[in-house]
Amino acid sequence: CAQYNQAFFYTNFHIFLFLLKKIIMENYLDFQNTLDEATISFERNLKFSLAKLFGQTKLKVSINENITEGALTKEITSLTNSHTFFIGSFISWQIKLQIKILGLLANSIKKYSLLSPEITYEMANSVKNLFTSDLGLTINGNYLALDKFNKNNQATFFIAIAHKKEKIIKQFQINGGKNEIIKKATQAALLILKYFLENLKKIKQEEING
């Protein structure tokens, strides 16, 4: 009876780990409801945590961004030992360059539109393949001016990360001046990147523990 209970526990424990892994990093497109700027928290020691996670996971990242205009690349390259995990970045608003350099399909852009979760993920996956990195991170969005002085904008953007079969996509909509939007969008990308790396680390640890 004791052996049966032990076997039952062992089996159910591994089923639990399997389900937990699916919950943590399921292969899906996460069409999350639009979030407002209040959800983008400014976390202390975020850059330190990211540098540490890259060191622990040994993963390399490449970036594609448009609405943040290079701010995300600047933040990543400012991390300690960034030369060991940052491969490169592609920064452009031009659809033609997205098609020519990243290899995006014009028909897909026509079908979904450039500002869509599907194309944002394709951007992340394409920049990963372009630079042969482990992770592809993309911020893809646009501005809608709410006043003639362009001091109050509404920005809608998607953030996507591609890694082998794992992927994540989040949508945001925030208001503010251009610099404020760039700062918040960059912060959102860093927070999502931290979440992604933490969960990949958990999965790797679970696989080691068996």
Protein backbone atom coordinates (compact mmCIF):
# COMPACT_ATOMS: atom_id res chain seq x y z
CA CYS A 1 0.00 0.00 0.00
CA ALA A 2 2.88 2.32 0.85
CA GLN A 3 4.54 1.57 -2.51
CA TYR A 4 1.25 2.25 -4.29
CA ASN A 5 0.84 5.59 -2.52
CA GLN A 6 4.43 6.51 -3.34
CA ALA A 7 3.91 5.64 -7.01
CA PHE A 8 0.62 7.55 -7.03
CA PHE A 9 2.30 10.61 -5.53
CA TYR A 10 5.23 10.39 -7.96
CA THR A 11 2.91 10.15 -10.98
CA ASN A 12 0.65 12.97 -9.86
CA PHE A 13 3.60 15.19 -8.96
CA HIS A 14 4.97 14.89 -12.49
CA ILE A 15 1.53 15.54 -13.94
CA PHE A 16 1.45 18.68 -11.79
CA LEU A 17 4.87 19.78 -13.09
CA PHE A 18 3.74 19.14 -16.66
CA LEU A 19 0.60 21.24 -16.20
CA LEU A 20 2.58 23.94 -14.41
CA LYS A 21 4.98 24.12 -17.33
CA LYS A 22 2.06 24.52 -19.74
CA ILE A 23 0.63 27.31 -17.60
CA ILE A 24 3.97 29.08 -17.23
CA MET A 25 4.91 29.06 -20.89
CA GLU A 26 2.23 27.65 -23.17
CA ASN A 27 2.67 27.88 -26.91
CA TYR A 28 0.03 30.47 -27.66
CA LEU A 29 -0.61 34.01 -28.79
CA ASP A 30 -1.65 35.93 -25.70
CA PHE A 31 -4.36 38.35 -26.89
CA GLN A 32 -4.45 40.18 -23.58
CA ASN A 33 -6.97 42.95 -23.02
CA THR A 34 -5.57 46.44 -23.58
CA LEU A 35 -3.83 47.72 -20.47
CA ASP A 36 -3.59 51.31 -19.31
CA GLU A 37 -0.46 53.13 -18.15
CA ALA A 38 -1.23 52.39 -14.49
CA THR A 39 -0.22 48.77 -15.06
CA ILE A 40 3.32 49.69 -16.10
CA SER A 41 5.16 49.81 -12.80
CA PHE A 42 8.67 51.17 -12.40
CA GLU A 43 10.51 48.40 -10.61
CA ARG A 44 13.62 49.16 -8.60
CA ASN A 45 16.70 47.10 -9.44
CA LEU A 46 15.07 45.94 -12.67
CA LYS A 47 18.25 46.34 -14.72
CA PHE A 48 20.28 44.48 -12.12
CA SER A 49 17.74 41.65 -12.15
CA LEU A 50 17.79 41.44 -15.95
CA ALA A 51 21.59 41.31 -16.13
CA LYS A 52 21.58 38.56 -13.50
CA LEU A 53 18.92 36.56 -15.34
CA PHE A 54 20.82 36.76 -18.62
CA GLY A 55 23.91 35.53 -16.81
CA GLN A 56 21.99 32.61 -15.30
CA THR A 57 20.10 31.55 -18.42
CA LYS A 58 23.01 32.10 -20.85
CA LEU A 59 20.50 33.33 -23.44
CA LYS A 60 21.21 35.90 -26.13
CA VAL A 61 18.72 38.53 -27.31
CA SER A 62 18.14 40.69 -30.38
CA ILE A 63 15.68 43.57 -30.66
CA ASN A 64 13.31 45.09 -33.20
CA GLU A 65 11.67 48.39 -32.28
CA ASN A 66 9.91 51.33 -33.90
CA ILE A 67 7.80 53.37 -31.46
CA THR A 68 10.61 53.46 -28.86
CA GLU A 69 13.10 54.69 -31.49
CA GLY A 70 16.14 52.93 -30.04
CA ALA A 71 15.41 53.54 -26.35
CA LEU A 72 14.97 49.82 -25.64
CA THR A 73 18.28 48.99 -27.32
CA LYS A 74 19.96 51.70 -25.24
CA GLU A 75 18.56 50.22 -22.01
CA ILE A 76 19.61 46.67 -22.89
CA THR A 77 23.13 47.71 -23.87
CA SER A 78 23.50 49.61 -20.58
CA LEU A 79 23.07 46.37 -18.59
CA THR A 80 26.14 44.89 -16.96
CA ASN A 81 27.97 42.50 -19.34
CA SER A 82 25.50 43.27 -22.14
CA HIS A 83 28.19 42.34 -24.67
CA THR A 84 27.75 38.70 -23.61
CA PHE A 85 24.00 38.50 -24.37
CA PHE A 86 23.01 41.37 -26.67
CA ILE A 87 23.46 40.45 -30.35
CA GLY A 88 21.97 43.38 -32.28
CA SER A 89 18.91 45.47 -33.06
CA PHE A 90 16.82 46.64 -36.00
CA ILE A 91 15.12 50.03 -35.64
CA SER A 92 12.79 51.27 -38.38
CA TRP A 93 9.29 52.54 -39.09
CA GLN A 94 9.53 51.60 -42.78
CA ILE A 95 7.36 48.69 -43.90
CA LYS A 96 9.56 48.13 -46.96
CA LEU A 97 12.60 47.61 -44.75
CA GLN A 98 10.64 45.31 -42.45
CA ILE A 99 9.83 43.20 -45.50
CA LYS A 100 13.28 43.38 -47.11
CA ILE A 101 15.51 42.93 -44.04
CA LEU A 102 13.34 40.98 -41.61
CA GLY A 103 11.63 38.96 -44.30
CA LEU A 104 8.08 39.79 -43.28
CA LEU A 105 5.47 38.74 -45.81
CA ALA A 106 3.62 41.57 -47.54
CA ASN A 107 0.49 39.42 -47.78
CA SER A 108 0.53 38.82 -44.03
CA ILE A 109 0.86 42.56 -43.35
CA LYS A 110 -2.04 43.20 -45.72
CA LYS A 111 -4.12 40.52 -44.01
CA TYR A 112 -3.48 41.48 -40.37
CA SER A 113 -2.07 45.06 -40.64
CA LEU A 114 1.37 46.07 -39.41
CA LEU A 115 0.03 46.95 -35.96
CA SER A 116 -1.32 43.55 -34.93
CA PRO A 117 -0.31 40.77 -32.52
CA GLU A 118 0.32 38.38 -35.40
CA ILE A 119 2.78 40.68 -37.23
CA THR A 120 4.43 41.79 -33.98
CA TYR A 121 5.21 38.17 -33.16
CA GLU A 122 6.53 37.63 -36.69
CA MET A 123 8.81 40.63 -36.16
CA ALA A 124 10.16 39.11 -32.95
CA ASN A 125 10.70 35.74 -34.57
CA SER A 126 12.27 37.31 -37.66
CA VAL A 127 14.76 39.45 -35.74
CA LYS A 128 15.69 36.36 -33.70
CA ASN A 129 16.45 34.51 -36.93
CA LEU A 130 18.21 37.50 -38.51
CA PHE A 131 20.73 37.77 -35.67
CA THR A 132 20.66 34.03 -34.79
CA SER A 133 19.89 34.84 -31.15
CA ASP A 134 17.93 32.79 -28.61
CA LEU A 135 15.33 35.50 -28.02
CA GLY A 136 13.71 38.04 -30.31
CA LEU A 137 12.14 41.06 -28.57
CA THR A 138 9.89 43.49 -30.46
CA ILE A 139 8.03 46.71 -29.64
CA ASN A 140 5.67 47.60 -32.46
CA GLY A 141 3.26 50.53 -32.26
CA ASN A 142 2.09 53.93 -33.45
CA TYR A 143 0.96 57.33 -32.19
CA LEU A 144 -2.35 59.17 -32.51
CA ALA A 145 -1.99 62.89 -31.80
CA LEU A 146 -4.80 64.12 -29.55
CA ASP A 147 -3.97 67.81 -29.88
CA LYS A 148 -2.49 70.01 -32.59
CA PHE A 149 0.66 70.68 -30.53
CA ASN A 150 1.44 66.95 -30.37
CA LYS A 151 1.96 67.17 -26.59
CA ASN A 152 -0.75 64.65 -25.82
CA ASN A 153 -0.61 61.43 -27.80
CA GLN A 154 -2.36 58.11 -27.59
CA ALA A 155 -0.02 55.23 -28.28
CA THR A 156 -1.07 51.67 -29.02
CA PHE A 157 1.69 49.12 -29.12
CA PHE A 158 2.39 45.41 -28.88
CA ILE A 159 5.37 43.78 -27.19
CA ALA A 160 6.36 40.29 -28.29
CA ILE A 161 9.09 37.83 -27.38
CA ALA A 162 9.93 34.74 -29.45
CA HIS A 163 12.04 31.84 -28.19
CA LYS A 164 11.92 28.47 -29.94
CA LYS A 165 8.32 27.33 -29.34
CA GLU A 166 7.69 29.70 -26.44
CA LYS A 167 6.24 33.11 -27.10
CA ILE A 168 4.43 35.93 -25.42
CA ILE A 169 2.52 38.94 -26.75
CA LYS A 170 1.12 41.84 -24.74
CA GLN A 171 -0.89 44.86 -25.86
CA PHE A 172 -0.75 48.32 -24.30
CA GLN A 173 -2.50 51.64 -24.83
CA ILE A 174 -1.16 54.71 -23.03
CA ASN A 175 -1.50 58.49 -23.28
CA GLY A 176 1.06 61.22 -22.79
CA GLY A 177 3.83 63.16 -24.44
CA LYS A 178 6.18 61.37 -26.82
CA ASN A 179 9.08 61.09 -24.36
CA GLU A 180 6.77 59.80 -21.62
CA ILE A 181 5.34 57.17 -23.95
CA ILE A 182 8.79 56.03 -25.03
CA LYS A 183 9.87 55.74 -21.40
CA LYS A 184 6.79 53.72 -20.39
CA ALA A 185 6.89 51.48 -23.46
CA THR A 186 10.55 50.72 -22.81
CA GLN A 187 9.82 49.96 -19.17
CA ALA A 188 6.97 47.64 -20.16
CA ALA A 189 9.26 45.71 -22.50
CA LEU A 190 11.90 45.31 -19.80
CA LEU A 191 9.31 44.04 -17.30
CA ILE A 192 7.93 41.50 -19.79
CA LEU A 193 11.47 40.40 -20.65
CA LYS A 194 12.19 39.83 -16.95
CA TYR A 195 8.98 37.79 -16.56
CA PHE A 196 9.86 35.72 -19.62
CA LEU A 197 13.42 35.00 -18.45
CA GLU A 198 12.25 34.10 -14.94
CA ASN A 199 9.81 31.53 -16.32
CA LEU A 200 12.35 30.05 -18.71
CA LYS A 201 14.68 29.71 -15.73
CA LYS A 202 11.94 27.87 -13.78
CA ILE A 203 11.30 25.48 -16.66
CA LYS A 204 15.02 24.73 -17.03
CA GLN A 205 15.34 24.09 -13.31
CA GLU A 206 12.33 21.75 -13.34
CA GLU A 207 13.85 19.78 -16.23
CA ILE A 208 17.14 19.45 -14.30
CA ASN A 209 15.33 18.27 -11.19
CA GLY A 210 13.44 15.76 -13.32
